Protein backbone atom coordinates (compact mmCIF):
# COMPACT_ATOMS: atom_id res chain seq x y z
CA MET A 1 19.50 -4.10 10.86
CA THR A 2 20.04 -7.77 10.17
CA LYS A 3 18.31 -11.04 10.89
CA GLU A 4 20.68 -11.46 13.80
CA ASP A 5 19.14 -8.37 15.41
CA ALA A 6 15.66 -9.88 15.34
CA PRO A 7 14.12 -11.13 18.60
CA LYS A 8 14.66 -14.83 19.21
CA VAL A 9 12.24 -17.61 20.08
CA TYR A 10 12.46 -19.14 23.52
CA PHE A 11 10.98 -22.27 25.03
CA ARG A 12 11.00 -23.37 28.61
CA LYS A 13 10.10 -26.69 30.18
CA VAL A 14 7.00 -26.75 32.34
CA ASP A 15 7.50 -27.81 35.94
CA GLU A 16 5.01 -29.78 37.96
CA THR A 17 3.44 -26.66 39.52
CA THR A 18 2.65 -24.88 36.25
CA THR A 19 -1.07 -24.34 35.76
CA PHE A 20 -1.08 -24.20 31.96
CA ARG A 21 0.56 -27.06 30.13
CA SER A 22 1.12 -27.44 26.42
CA PRO A 23 1.76 -31.05 25.36
CA VAL A 24 4.11 -31.70 22.45
CA SER A 25 5.93 -34.76 21.19
CA ASN A 26 8.10 -37.15 23.23
CA GLY A 27 5.88 -36.84 26.26
CA ILE A 28 7.51 -33.56 27.36
CA ASP A 29 5.35 -30.56 28.21
CA TYR A 30 6.44 -27.08 27.16
CA THR A 31 4.96 -23.62 27.20
CA PHE A 32 5.75 -21.16 24.50
CA PHE A 33 7.56 -18.12 25.88
CA ALA A 34 7.87 -15.06 23.67
CA GLY A 35 8.41 -12.20 26.12
CA THR A 36 7.29 -8.89 24.64
CA ALA A 37 4.61 -8.48 22.00
CA ASP A 38 7.32 -7.84 19.40
CA GLU A 39 9.09 -11.05 20.39
CA MET A 40 5.82 -12.96 20.17
CA ILE A 41 5.21 -11.73 16.62
CA ALA A 42 8.83 -12.46 15.72
CA SER A 43 8.37 -15.99 17.03
CA TYR A 44 5.27 -16.44 14.89
CA ARG A 45 7.10 -15.24 11.78
CA GLU A 46 10.11 -17.44 12.45
CA ALA A 47 7.70 -20.37 12.59
CA THR A 48 5.49 -19.45 9.62
CA GLY A 49 7.62 -17.27 7.34
CA GLU A 50 9.34 -13.91 7.27
CA VAL A 51 7.98 -10.89 5.43
CA PRO A 52 9.57 -9.84 2.13
CA MET A 53 9.88 -6.11 1.54
CA LEU A 54 7.19 -4.50 -0.54
CA PRO A 55 8.29 -2.22 -3.36
CA ALA A 56 8.80 1.35 -2.20
CA TRP A 57 6.05 2.57 -4.52
CA ALA A 58 3.48 0.42 -2.71
CA LEU A 59 3.95 2.65 0.34
CA GLY A 60 2.85 5.75 -1.55
CA TYR A 61 -0.75 6.55 -2.42
CA ILE A 62 -2.83 3.77 -4.04
CA HIS A 63 -5.74 5.12 -6.10
CA CYS A 64 -8.71 2.89 -6.87
CA ARG A 65 -12.34 3.17 -7.81
CA GLU A 66 -15.08 0.79 -8.84
CA ARG A 67 -14.21 1.09 -11.60
CA PHE A 68 -12.20 2.50 -14.48
CA HIS A 69 -14.12 1.69 -17.65
CA SER A 70 -11.44 2.12 -20.30
CA GLN A 71 -7.78 2.60 -21.03
CA LYS A 72 -8.51 6.21 -21.96
CA GLU A 73 -10.23 6.85 -18.64
CA ILE A 74 -7.43 5.48 -16.49
CA LEU A 75 -4.74 7.41 -18.37
CA GLU A 76 -6.72 10.65 -18.29
CA THR A 77 -7.18 10.24 -14.53
CA ALA A 78 -3.48 9.57 -14.01
CA SER A 79 -2.60 12.66 -16.04
CA GLU A 80 -4.98 14.75 -13.98
CA PHE A 81 -3.30 13.64 -10.76
CA ARG A 82 0.00 14.87 -12.17
CA ARG A 83 -1.50 18.11 -13.53
CA LYS A 84 -3.06 18.94 -10.17
CA LYS A 85 0.15 17.98 -8.33
CA LEU A 86 -1.53 15.31 -6.22
CA PRO A 87 1.08 12.62 -5.40
CA VAL A 88 0.20 9.06 -6.43
CA ASP A 89 2.18 5.89 -7.13
CA LEU A 90 -0.29 3.15 -8.00
CA MET A 91 -3.40 3.20 -10.20
CA VAL A 92 -5.76 0.25 -9.76
CA GLN A 93 -7.89 -1.34 -12.46
CA ASP A 94 -10.79 -3.15 -10.81
CA TRP A 95 -12.89 -5.87 -12.41
CA GLN A 96 -14.76 -6.24 -15.74
CA TYR A 97 -11.94 -5.05 -17.97
CA TRP A 98 -12.32 -8.51 -19.56
CA GLY A 99 -15.65 -7.43 -21.14
CA LYS A 100 -16.99 -9.82 -23.77
CA TYR A 101 -14.38 -12.47 -23.01
CA GLY A 102 -15.99 -13.55 -19.73
CA TRP A 103 -15.23 -13.29 -16.05
CA ASN A 104 -11.48 -13.30 -15.37
CA ALA A 105 -10.67 -14.53 -18.86
CA MET A 106 -7.16 -13.08 -18.34
CA ARG A 107 -7.39 -10.67 -21.23
CA PHE A 108 -8.53 -7.10 -21.82
CA ASP A 109 -11.47 -6.40 -24.08
CA GLU A 110 -9.95 -4.41 -26.93
CA THR A 111 -13.14 -2.38 -27.32
CA ASP A 112 -12.22 -0.31 -24.26
CA TYR A 113 -8.59 -1.34 -23.75
CA PRO A 114 -7.09 -1.39 -27.24
CA ALA A 115 -3.43 -1.45 -26.15
CA PRO A 116 -2.87 -2.67 -22.55
CA ARG A 117 0.91 -2.65 -22.90
CA GLU A 118 0.87 0.95 -24.01
CA MET A 119 -1.36 1.72 -21.02
CA THR A 120 1.18 0.35 -18.53
CA ASP A 121 4.07 1.95 -20.41
CA SER A 122 2.28 5.31 -20.30
CA LEU A 123 1.77 5.02 -16.55
CA HIS A 124 5.43 4.12 -16.11
CA ARG A 125 6.45 7.22 -18.05
CA MET A 126 4.37 9.24 -15.57
CA GLY A 127 6.19 7.59 -12.66
CA MET A 128 3.20 5.41 -11.75
CA ARG A 129 2.49 1.69 -11.56
CA LEU A 130 -0.56 -0.44 -12.38
CA MET A 131 -2.36 -2.92 -10.16
CA LEU A 132 -4.87 -5.29 -11.80
CA SER A 133 -7.75 -7.18 -10.22
CA VAL A 134 -7.49 -10.91 -10.98
CA TRP A 135 -9.81 -13.52 -9.54
CA SER A 136 -9.40 -17.18 -8.69
CA LYS A 137 -12.68 -17.97 -10.43
CA VAL A 138 -13.00 -18.11 -14.21
CA ASP A 139 -16.07 -17.98 -16.43
CA GLN A 140 -16.64 -21.61 -17.38
CA ASN A 141 -17.85 -20.57 -20.85
CA SER A 142 -14.71 -18.55 -21.62
CA VAL A 143 -11.83 -19.97 -23.66
CA LEU A 144 -9.74 -20.31 -20.51
CA GLY A 145 -12.67 -21.74 -18.57
CA LYS A 146 -13.25 -24.50 -21.11
CA ARG A 147 -9.60 -25.46 -20.90
CA LEU A 148 -9.83 -25.60 -17.11
CA ALA A 149 -12.98 -27.71 -17.31
CA ASP A 150 -11.44 -30.12 -19.82
CA LYS A 151 -8.63 -30.78 -17.36
CA SER A 152 -10.98 -31.04 -14.34
CA TYR A 153 -9.18 -28.15 -12.67
CA TYR A 154 -12.30 -26.57 -11.16
CA ILE A 155 -13.56 -27.33 -7.67
CA PRO A 156 -16.51 -29.56 -8.64
CA GLY A 157 -19.77 -27.66 -8.97
CA THR A 158 -18.16 -24.21 -8.78
CA PRO A 159 -16.38 -21.68 -11.02
CA TRP A 160 -13.40 -21.61 -8.59
CA VAL A 161 -10.05 -23.02 -9.62
CA ASP A 162 -8.84 -25.87 -7.39
CA PHE A 163 -5.59 -24.37 -6.13
CA PHE A 164 -5.21 -27.32 -3.77
CA ASN A 165 -4.45 -29.38 -6.89
CA PRO A 166 -0.81 -28.57 -7.84
CA GLU A 167 -1.50 -29.25 -11.52
CA ALA A 168 -4.45 -26.83 -11.53
CA ALA A 169 -2.44 -24.17 -9.70
CA SER A 170 0.44 -24.54 -12.17
CA PHE A 171 -1.92 -24.31 -15.14
CA TYR A 172 -3.52 -21.14 -13.71
CA TRP A 173 -0.13 -19.53 -13.12
CA LYS A 174 1.15 -20.26 -16.62
CA ASN A 175 -1.91 -18.61 -18.16
CA PHE A 176 -1.56 -15.72 -15.71
CA ARG A 177 2.09 -15.31 -16.68
CA ASP A 178 1.67 -15.64 -20.43
CA SER A 179 -1.51 -13.54 -20.70
CA LEU A 180 -0.88 -10.72 -18.20
CA VAL A 181 2.58 -10.67 -16.63
CA LEU A 182 5.00 -10.97 -19.52
CA PRO A 183 3.18 -9.23 -22.38
CA ILE A 184 1.67 -6.30 -20.48
CA GLY A 185 4.17 -5.48 -17.73
CA ILE A 186 1.64 -5.05 -14.92
CA ASP A 187 3.28 -4.26 -11.59
CA ALA A 188 0.93 -5.41 -8.81
CA TRP A 189 -1.96 -7.78 -8.35
CA TRP A 190 -5.28 -7.56 -6.58
CA LEU A 191 -6.26 -11.18 -5.92
CA ASP A 192 -9.89 -10.56 -5.13
CA ALA A 193 -12.45 -12.82 -3.46
CA THR A 194 -9.96 -15.43 -2.26
CA GLU A 195 -12.40 -16.69 0.38
CA PRO A 196 -13.75 -17.94 -2.06
CA GLU A 197 -17.04 -16.02 -2.19
CA ASN A 198 -20.37 -17.53 -1.17
CA ASP A 199 -18.62 -20.14 0.99
CA ASP A 200 -18.40 -22.30 -2.12
CA LEU A 201 -16.08 -24.88 -0.54
CA VAL A 202 -18.76 -26.09 1.85
CA GLY A 203 -19.93 -29.51 0.74
CA ARG A 204 -17.26 -29.72 -1.98
CA ARG A 205 -14.15 -31.84 -2.25
CA VAL A 206 -10.79 -30.55 -3.45
CA ASN A 207 -7.55 -31.87 -5.01
CA HIS A 208 -8.97 -34.67 -7.13
CA SER A 209 -11.89 -34.94 -4.65
CA THR A 210 -9.44 -36.15 -2.02
CA PHE A 211 -10.18 -33.70 0.80
CA PRO A 212 -13.36 -32.08 2.15
CA GLY A 213 -13.38 -28.42 1.10
CA GLU A 214 -15.00 -27.11 4.28
CA VAL A 215 -12.06 -28.42 6.32
CA PHE A 216 -9.52 -26.49 4.24
CA ARG A 217 -11.57 -23.52 3.10
CA ASN A 218 -9.65 -21.02 5.26
CA VAL A 219 -6.42 -22.15 3.58
CA TYR A 220 -7.68 -21.24 0.10
CA PRO A 221 -6.29 -17.67 0.09
CA LEU A 222 -2.92 -19.02 1.21
CA VAL A 223 -2.56 -21.37 -1.74
CA VAL A 224 -3.85 -18.78 -4.23
CA ASN A 225 -1.32 -16.17 -3.12
CA LYS A 226 1.42 -18.79 -2.87
CA THR A 227 0.84 -19.74 -6.51
CA ILE A 228 1.16 -16.19 -7.80
CA TYR A 229 4.01 -15.05 -5.55
CA GLU A 230 6.19 -18.09 -6.18
CA GLY A 231 5.46 -17.83 -9.89
CA LEU A 232 6.53 -14.20 -9.95
CA ARG A 233 9.68 -14.92 -7.93
CA GLY A 234 10.56 -17.75 -10.29
CA LEU A 235 10.38 -15.76 -13.51
CA SER A 236 13.41 -16.45 -15.70
CA THR A 237 14.80 -15.39 -19.03
CA ASP A 238 14.26 -17.22 -22.31
CA GLU A 239 17.57 -18.98 -21.74
CA GLY A 240 16.20 -20.44 -18.52
CA LYS A 241 18.62 -18.50 -16.34
CA GLN A 242 17.38 -16.74 -13.25
CA ARG A 243 17.09 -13.00 -13.71
CA ASP A 244 19.67 -10.93 -11.86
CA SER A 245 16.99 -8.56 -10.61
CA ILE A 246 13.36 -9.64 -10.23
CA SER A 247 10.91 -6.82 -9.56
CA ARG A 248 9.22 -6.71 -6.19
CA THR A 249 5.46 -6.81 -6.24
CA ILE A 250 2.53 -6.55 -3.88
CA LEU A 251 -0.42 -8.93 -3.72
CA LEU A 252 -3.60 -7.41 -2.28
CA THR A 253 -6.14 -9.87 -0.91
CA ARG A 254 -9.05 -9.51 1.49
CA ASN A 255 -8.43 -12.88 3.12
CA GLY A 256 -5.48 -14.39 4.91
CA PHE A 257 -4.21 -17.44 6.74
CA PRO A 258 -1.22 -17.95 9.06
CA GLY A 259 1.94 -17.78 6.98
CA ILE A 260 0.46 -15.74 4.14
CA GLN A 261 2.78 -12.85 5.07
CA ARG A 262 5.68 -14.70 3.42
CA TYR A 263 4.16 -14.13 -0.01
CA GLY A 264 4.35 -10.31 -0.14
CA VAL A 265 0.68 -10.07 0.75
CA ALA A 266 -1.30 -7.09 1.99
CA THR A 267 -4.83 -7.48 3.28
CA TRP A 268 -7.65 -4.96 3.44
CA SER A 269 -10.94 -5.02 5.28
CA GLY A 270 -13.17 -5.65 2.29
CA ASP A 271 -16.40 -4.04 1.12
CA VAL A 272 -17.46 -1.99 4.13
CA GLY A 273 -19.79 0.97 4.70
CA ASN A 274 -18.81 4.56 5.37
CA ASP A 275 -20.47 5.52 8.68
CA TRP A 276 -18.61 6.51 11.84
CA ASP A 277 -19.15 3.19 13.59
CA THR A 278 -17.76 1.31 10.59
CA PHE A 279 -14.75 3.62 10.57
CA ARG A 280 -14.08 2.93 14.24
CA ARG A 281 -14.34 -0.80 13.68
CA GLN A 282 -11.81 -0.61 10.82
CA ILE A 283 -9.18 0.72 13.19
CA VAL A 284 -9.82 -2.05 15.70
CA ALA A 285 -9.75 -4.66 12.94
CA GLY A 286 -6.46 -3.38 11.54
CA LEU A 287 -4.78 -3.41 14.93
CA GLY A 288 -6.05 -6.94 15.47
CA ILE A 289 -4.71 -8.31 12.22
CA SER A 290 -1.40 -6.53 12.79
CA VAL A 291 -0.76 -8.31 16.08
CA CYS A 292 -1.54 -11.58 14.30
CA GLY A 293 1.77 -11.07 12.52
CA LEU A 294 0.36 -9.82 9.19
CA PRO A 295 1.99 -6.39 8.86
CA TRP A 296 0.52 -5.01 5.65
CA TRP A 297 -3.07 -3.85 6.03
CA THR A 298 -5.34 -1.04 4.91
CA TYR A 299 -8.98 -0.14 4.29
CA ASP A 300 -11.02 1.56 1.57
CA ALA A 301 -10.61 5.16 2.76
CA GLY A 302 -14.09 6.67 2.69
CA GLY A 303 -15.68 3.23 2.78
CA PHE A 304 -16.58 1.02 -0.16
CA PHE A 305 -20.36 1.52 -0.04
CA ARG A 306 -21.04 5.25 -0.28
CA PRO A 307 -24.16 7.47 -0.41
CA GLY A 308 -24.50 7.56 -4.19
CA ASP A 309 -24.32 10.87 -6.03
CA ALA A 310 -25.04 12.71 -2.78
CA GLN A 311 -21.47 12.00 -1.66
CA TYR A 312 -20.11 14.71 -3.95
CA THR A 313 -22.03 17.46 -2.11
CA ASP A 314 -22.90 15.94 1.29
CA ALA A 315 -20.84 17.81 3.91
CA HIS A 316 -21.46 15.09 6.49
CA PHE A 317 -20.05 12.36 4.27
CA GLN A 318 -17.14 14.55 3.24
CA GLU A 319 -16.19 15.09 6.87
CA ARG A 320 -16.21 11.32 7.41
CA PHE A 321 -14.22 10.79 4.24
CA SER A 322 -11.65 13.34 5.41
CA ARG A 323 -11.10 11.52 8.69
CA TRP A 324 -10.83 8.15 6.93
CA LEU A 325 -8.23 9.59 4.54
CA GLN A 326 -6.25 11.49 7.20
CA THR A 327 -6.01 8.35 9.30
CA SER A 328 -4.87 6.31 6.29
CA VAL A 329 -1.77 8.53 6.11
CA PHE A 330 -0.72 6.60 9.23
CA LEU A 331 -1.59 3.09 8.05
CA PRO A 332 0.89 0.66 6.49
CA LEU A 333 -0.79 1.26 3.11
CA MET A 334 -2.82 4.30 1.98
CA ARG A 335 -5.67 3.52 -0.39
CA VAL A 336 -8.99 5.01 -1.56
CA HIS A 337 -11.77 2.94 -3.11
CA GLY A 338 -15.54 3.24 -3.56
CA TYR A 339 -18.45 1.38 -5.12
CA MET A 340 -19.93 3.02 -8.22
CA THR A 341 -17.91 6.11 -7.35
CA ASN A 342 -15.50 8.40 -9.17
CA THR A 343 -13.23 8.60 -6.14
CA GLU A 344 -10.90 11.29 -7.48
CA PHE A 345 -10.71 14.10 -4.93
CA TRP A 346 -11.52 16.89 -7.37
CA ASN A 347 -15.00 15.45 -7.88
CA TYR A 348 -15.80 16.60 -4.32
CA GLY A 349 -14.79 20.21 -4.81
CA ASP A 350 -11.90 22.43 -3.80
CA LYS A 351 -12.24 21.97 -0.04
CA VAL A 352 -11.88 18.17 -0.19
CA THR A 353 -9.16 18.41 -2.83
CA ASP A 354 -7.14 20.78 -0.65
CA MET A 355 -7.54 18.47 2.36
CA ALA A 356 -6.50 15.47 0.27
CA ARG A 357 -3.45 17.28 -1.09
CA LYS A 358 -2.26 18.01 2.45
CA SER A 359 -2.82 14.38 3.46
CA LEU A 360 -0.96 13.01 0.44
CA GLU A 361 1.93 15.43 0.84
CA LEU A 362 2.24 14.43 4.50
CA ARG A 363 2.31 10.74 3.54
CA TYR A 364 5.14 11.39 1.10
CA ARG A 365 7.03 13.54 3.61
CA LEU A 366 6.92 10.58 5.98
CA LEU A 367 8.19 8.03 3.47
CA PRO A 368 11.84 7.92 4.69
CA TYR A 369 10.47 7.01 8.13
CA ILE A 370 7.84 4.63 6.74
CA TYR A 371 10.35 2.88 4.50
CA SER A 372 12.84 2.46 7.34
CA GLU A 373 10.05 0.99 9.47
CA ALA A 374 9.17 -1.31 6.56
CA ALA A 375 12.77 -2.54 6.57
CA TRP A 376 12.43 -3.23 10.29
CA VAL A 377 9.35 -5.33 9.50
CA SER A 378 11.27 -7.46 6.98
CA LEU A 379 14.77 -7.54 8.45
CA GLY A 380 13.95 -7.30 12.14
CA ASN A 381 10.49 -8.93 12.35
CA GLY A 382 9.01 -5.62 13.45
CA THR A 383 5.43 -4.36 13.37
CA MET A 384 4.44 -0.95 12.01
CA LEU A 385 0.76 -0.74 13.05
CA ARG A 386 0.97 -1.06 16.83
CA PRO A 387 -1.83 -1.17 19.41
CA LEU A 388 -0.73 0.62 22.56
CA MET A 389 -0.33 -2.66 24.43
CA MET A 390 2.79 -3.34 22.37
CA ASP A 391 4.70 -0.32 23.68
CA PHE A 392 2.95 0.38 26.99
CA PRO A 393 1.94 -3.03 28.37
CA GLN A 394 1.95 -1.86 32.00
CA ASP A 395 -0.25 1.19 31.42
CA THR A 396 -3.82 0.12 32.17
CA GLN A 397 -5.27 3.34 30.75
CA ALA A 398 -3.43 2.82 27.47
CA LEU A 399 -4.63 -0.77 27.33
CA SER A 400 -8.26 0.38 27.56
CA LEU A 401 -8.09 2.59 24.45
CA LYS A 402 -9.47 1.14 21.23
CA TYR A 403 -8.58 3.71 18.60
CA GLN A 404 -5.25 5.28 19.53
CA TYR A 405 -2.19 3.45 18.26
CA MET A 406 1.50 3.80 17.45
CA PHE A 407 2.54 4.12 13.82
CA GLY A 408 6.02 2.73 13.87
CA ARG A 409 8.00 3.16 17.04
CA SER A 410 7.83 6.95 17.32
CA LEU A 411 4.41 8.36 16.34
CA LEU A 412 1.23 8.11 18.43
CA VAL A 413 -1.88 8.52 16.29
CA SER A 414 -5.21 9.69 17.72
CA PRO A 415 -7.84 9.37 14.96
CA ILE A 416 -10.91 11.60 15.09
CA VAL A 417 -13.71 9.05 15.04
CA GLU A 418 -16.82 11.18 15.49
CA GLU A 419 -18.50 14.08 13.76
CA GLY A 420 -17.85 17.73 14.51
CA PRO A 421 -15.63 17.91 17.61
CA VAL A 422 -14.03 21.27 18.41
CA VAL A 423 -11.38 19.79 20.70
CA TRP A 424 -9.99 16.26 20.92
CA LYS A 425 -8.72 14.38 23.94
CA THR A 426 -5.73 12.07 23.64
CA TYR A 427 -4.04 9.95 26.25
CA LEU A 428 -0.24 10.14 26.20
CA PRO A 429 1.42 7.30 28.14
CA ALA A 430 4.30 8.09 30.45
CA VAL A 431 7.60 8.25 28.56
CA GLN A 432 10.88 9.82 29.49
CA GLY A 433 10.98 13.40 28.25
CA GLY A 434 7.28 13.58 27.35
CA TRP A 435 5.72 14.14 23.94
CA TYR A 436 5.49 16.78 21.20
CA ASP A 437 2.60 17.66 18.91
CA PHE A 438 3.72 16.54 15.44
CA HIS A 439 1.89 19.35 13.65
CA ASP A 440 2.88 22.44 15.66
CA ASN A 441 5.88 21.10 17.66
CA GLN A 442 4.35 22.13 20.98
CA TYR A 443 5.58 20.20 23.98
CA MET A 444 3.01 17.94 25.64
CA SER A 445 3.37 16.23 28.97
CA THR A 446 1.89 12.82 29.70
CA GLY A 447 -1.62 11.77 30.66
CA TRP A 448 -4.77 13.17 29.07
CA VAL A 449 -4.21 16.20 26.83
CA GLN A 450 -6.64 18.27 24.81
CA THR A 451 -5.90 19.73 21.39
CA SER A 452 -7.94 21.88 19.03
CA VAL A 453 -9.36 20.13 15.99
CA SER A 454 -8.27 20.99 12.46
CA PRO A 455 -10.26 20.02 9.34
CA ASP A 456 -6.96 19.21 7.62
CA TYR A 457 -5.35 16.63 9.90
CA ILE A 458 -5.79 14.38 12.91
CA PRO A 459 -3.78 14.62 16.16
CA VAL A 460 -0.38 12.92 16.06
CA PHE A 461 2.29 13.02 18.76
CA VAL A 462 6.01 12.25 18.81
CA LYS A 463 7.96 10.73 21.70
CA ALA A 464 10.84 12.71 23.14
CA GLY A 465 14.11 11.17 21.99
CA THR A 466 12.71 10.53 18.52
CA VAL A 467 15.00 11.07 15.54
CA LEU A 468 12.58 11.33 12.62
CA PRO A 469 13.72 11.31 8.96
CA LEU A 470 11.46 13.15 6.52
CA SER A 471 11.66 14.03 2.83
CA SER A 472 11.91 17.65 1.74
CA GLY A 473 9.76 19.45 -0.80
CA TYR A 474 7.06 18.17 -3.12
CA ALA A 475 7.42 14.64 -4.49
CA GLU A 476 4.99 13.19 -7.02
CA ASN A 477 5.92 9.60 -6.24
CA ALA A 478 7.75 7.47 -3.69
CA GLN A 479 10.99 7.22 -5.63
CA LYS A 480 11.39 11.00 -5.71
CA ALA A 481 10.44 11.33 -2.05
CA LEU A 482 13.05 8.79 -0.98
CA LYS A 483 15.79 10.37 -3.11
CA SER A 484 15.04 13.94 -2.04
CA ASP A 485 17.00 16.04 0.42
CA LEU A 486 16.23 14.94 3.96
CA GLU A 487 14.97 16.73 7.01
CA ILE A 488 16.06 15.05 10.23
CA ARG A 489 13.89 16.12 13.14
CA VAL A 490 15.24 15.64 16.65
CA TYR A 491 12.75 15.79 19.53
CA ALA A 492 14.84 16.56 22.60
CA GLY A 493 14.22 15.47 26.17
CA THR A 494 16.09 12.18 26.29
CA ASP A 495 18.62 10.22 24.25
CA GLY A 496 17.37 8.64 21.08
CA THR A 497 18.54 6.60 18.14
CA TYR A 498 17.21 5.65 14.73
CA GLN A 499 18.47 3.69 11.76
CA LEU A 500 17.74 5.15 8.34
CA TYR A 501 17.40 2.39 5.75
CA GLU A 502 17.74 2.83 1.99
CA ASP A 503 17.86 0.52 -1.04
CA GLU A 504 16.84 0.39 -4.70
CA GLY A 505 13.20 -0.03 -3.69
CA THR A 506 12.13 -2.17 -6.64
CA ASP A 507 13.91 -5.52 -6.46
CA TYR A 508 15.10 -8.23 -4.07
CA ASN A 509 18.78 -7.28 -4.08
CA TYR A 510 18.40 -6.26 -0.44
CA GLN A 511 18.23 -9.99 0.37
CA LYS A 512 21.80 -10.23 -0.95
CA GLY A 513 23.00 -7.25 1.07
CA GLY A 514 22.13 -4.53 -1.43
CA TYR A 515 21.09 -1.78 1.00
CA SER A 516 22.58 0.88 3.24
CA CYS A 517 21.96 1.97 6.82
CA ILE A 518 22.83 5.20 8.59
CA ARG A 519 22.65 5.28 12.37
CA LEU A 520 21.36 8.53 13.85
CA PHE A 521 22.06 9.08 17.56
CA TRP A 522 20.85 12.00 19.68
CA ASP A 523 22.96 12.74 22.76
CA ASP A 524 20.52 14.78 24.80
CA ALA A 525 22.88 15.77 27.63
CA HIS A 526 25.35 17.34 25.19
CA SER A 527 22.75 18.38 22.59
CA ILE A 528 24.65 16.63 19.78
CA LEU A 529 23.28 14.64 16.85
CA ILE A 530 25.73 12.01 15.62
CA ILE A 531 25.15 10.86 12.05
CA GLY A 532 27.08 7.63 11.75
CA LYS A 533 29.18 6.36 8.89
CA ARG A 534 27.04 4.79 6.19
CA SER A 535 27.19 1.01 6.17
CA GLY A 536 26.45 -0.98 3.03
CA GLN A 537 25.68 0.16 -0.49
CA TYR A 538 23.30 -0.48 -3.37
CA GLU A 539 23.05 0.34 -7.04
CA GLY A 540 21.94 3.90 -7.62
CA MET A 541 22.79 5.04 -4.09
CA GLU A 542 23.08 8.79 -3.61
CA PRO A 543 26.64 9.26 -2.26
CA VAL A 544 25.97 12.82 -1.07
CA ARG A 545 22.84 13.99 0.74
CA ASN A 546 21.81 17.47 1.80
CA LEU A 547 20.38 17.32 5.30
CA LYS A 548 18.42 19.87 7.27
CA ILE A 549 18.66 19.09 10.98
CA VAL A 550 15.79 20.44 13.08
CA LYS A 551 16.02 20.32 16.86
CA ILE A 552 12.74 20.70 18.76
CA ALA A 553 13.14 21.19 22.50
CA LEU A 554 11.23 22.43 25.53
CA SER A 555 12.43 25.90 26.54
CA SER A 556 12.45 27.46 29.99
CA ASP A 557 9.19 29.31 29.33
CA GLY A 558 7.35 26.03 28.72
CA LYS A 559 7.14 26.49 24.96
CA SER A 560 8.96 24.63 22.23
CA ASN A 561 12.09 26.08 20.73
CA VAL A 562 12.97 25.09 17.13
CA THR A 563 16.57 25.32 15.87
CA GLU A 564 17.78 24.39 12.37
CA LYS A 565 21.14 23.58 10.84
CA SER A 566 22.09 22.40 7.35
CA VAL A 567 24.86 19.92 6.59
CA VAL A 568 26.16 17.92 3.64
CA TYR A 569 26.50 14.21 4.35
CA LYS A 570 29.05 12.24 2.30
CA GLY A 571 28.84 8.90 4.06
CA GLU A 572 31.28 9.66 6.88
CA GLU A 573 30.41 10.36 10.50
CA LEU A 574 29.17 13.85 11.31
CA LYS A 575 28.55 15.47 14.68
CA ILE A 576 26.13 18.39 14.76
CA ALA A 577 26.13 20.35 18.01
CA PHE A 578 23.24 22.58 19.05
């Protein structure tokens, strides 16, 4: 999996009979030709910027609420997740932690957060990370705000920092670095309201009043995220030497612009409601932004605006919440949030907690697959969240479906988007060898199929020929899931191949070749799985892995037959015959 494997960009000259013409320089007309949907997205990224890998822990569960009110509260909540054996990787501190110091003053109010560094250190000892909400507007009466005003670094007439002005952006970053990054050790950043809010650029001028703000307002989130990402990537030691290993981060923002994917950015759909129609529209929105070349997207599972205290006992809301959460297992990022809500699952009772545990455990079981797909995004210009048109462009029925999608290249997801169904219909496009039900391994043909509905999961199907790597056993965080023994599932019916990707998960050494790949090939005719010789290496690599190989195949009686074998992999080629 290298840059050389990525799809290439092609151009062709337009002849005199072409209906659509695209004028460019030198008086020559060209049309842009990208071939498949994947090649089109690859072309966009080659033009606007490739996608750096997110840290592995960002692909685990992200827990948020509006809001944690103190250091004590966030640490007690984190401890309860561990006590209840609910996997989680990232705790999120939303706004107002700045307290008496003013909006986004870039400091914690000691009244409720007496030792922020100890807070992050405590989370790290629990195998968790911390994301902090930081805004691009600053209280003009705060100490930082007065300094910004003295230097004329605000967009005139607003509390928003003028990131179009390089001096203002640099000043913001240095305060960000010296107040939050270096002394506290925070891991990830929620750059909220990067629109900016209230359409405050309309009628304003930016960058020393040189340019009209309304012309460039959509670019504002790009320059905000650029400032923080490039600052983080440029961190150096006291001696001025570049660090050998800079930590990967994730920037969460609800706004984007072409090219923003090159700054390690994830977007989410913002402050939405919780009803069924809103849920359906989230899926459509996520698929839309994914095909725009921005691969990292999620929503507030359960919706941001919720039905007040009734949510903790309302069975109708809890059913909706369950379907939001179960679907988020199969999104690039999995995150819960909620306005004026204690979003922890145990606040909703044992039934919701049990459902959530199953969803979280499934997410962590899938992490070897998800992380390998993430590597395909960064090293092969791939796309993880895939509308059906990407893989089945000739299937008119598939093209008509709004809510089904592929999660990676192997799993077809069929979210339950209405209340109370007993059975659920899913359309399975024609593929060689057919499909299997992910949950019970039953063989499914193609076309419309009907499955019974479970309260614990949504329908998911696997293409024949899939070689699917999964983690084994319980894992409390992503690092443990990715280092666990592996289960390799083989879905028979046609040949298949997959490339398992592994690296340190926390730094950018992969950009210097610090990663390994293992090619997995299923020879269907001979019923042999070939596990190739490991290529590459990285610091901390597990030289020996225990593998459970599970073959799932259609038997002569029309049912699925499951066969298991265990092997020890030491980096050399293995052939496992069934």
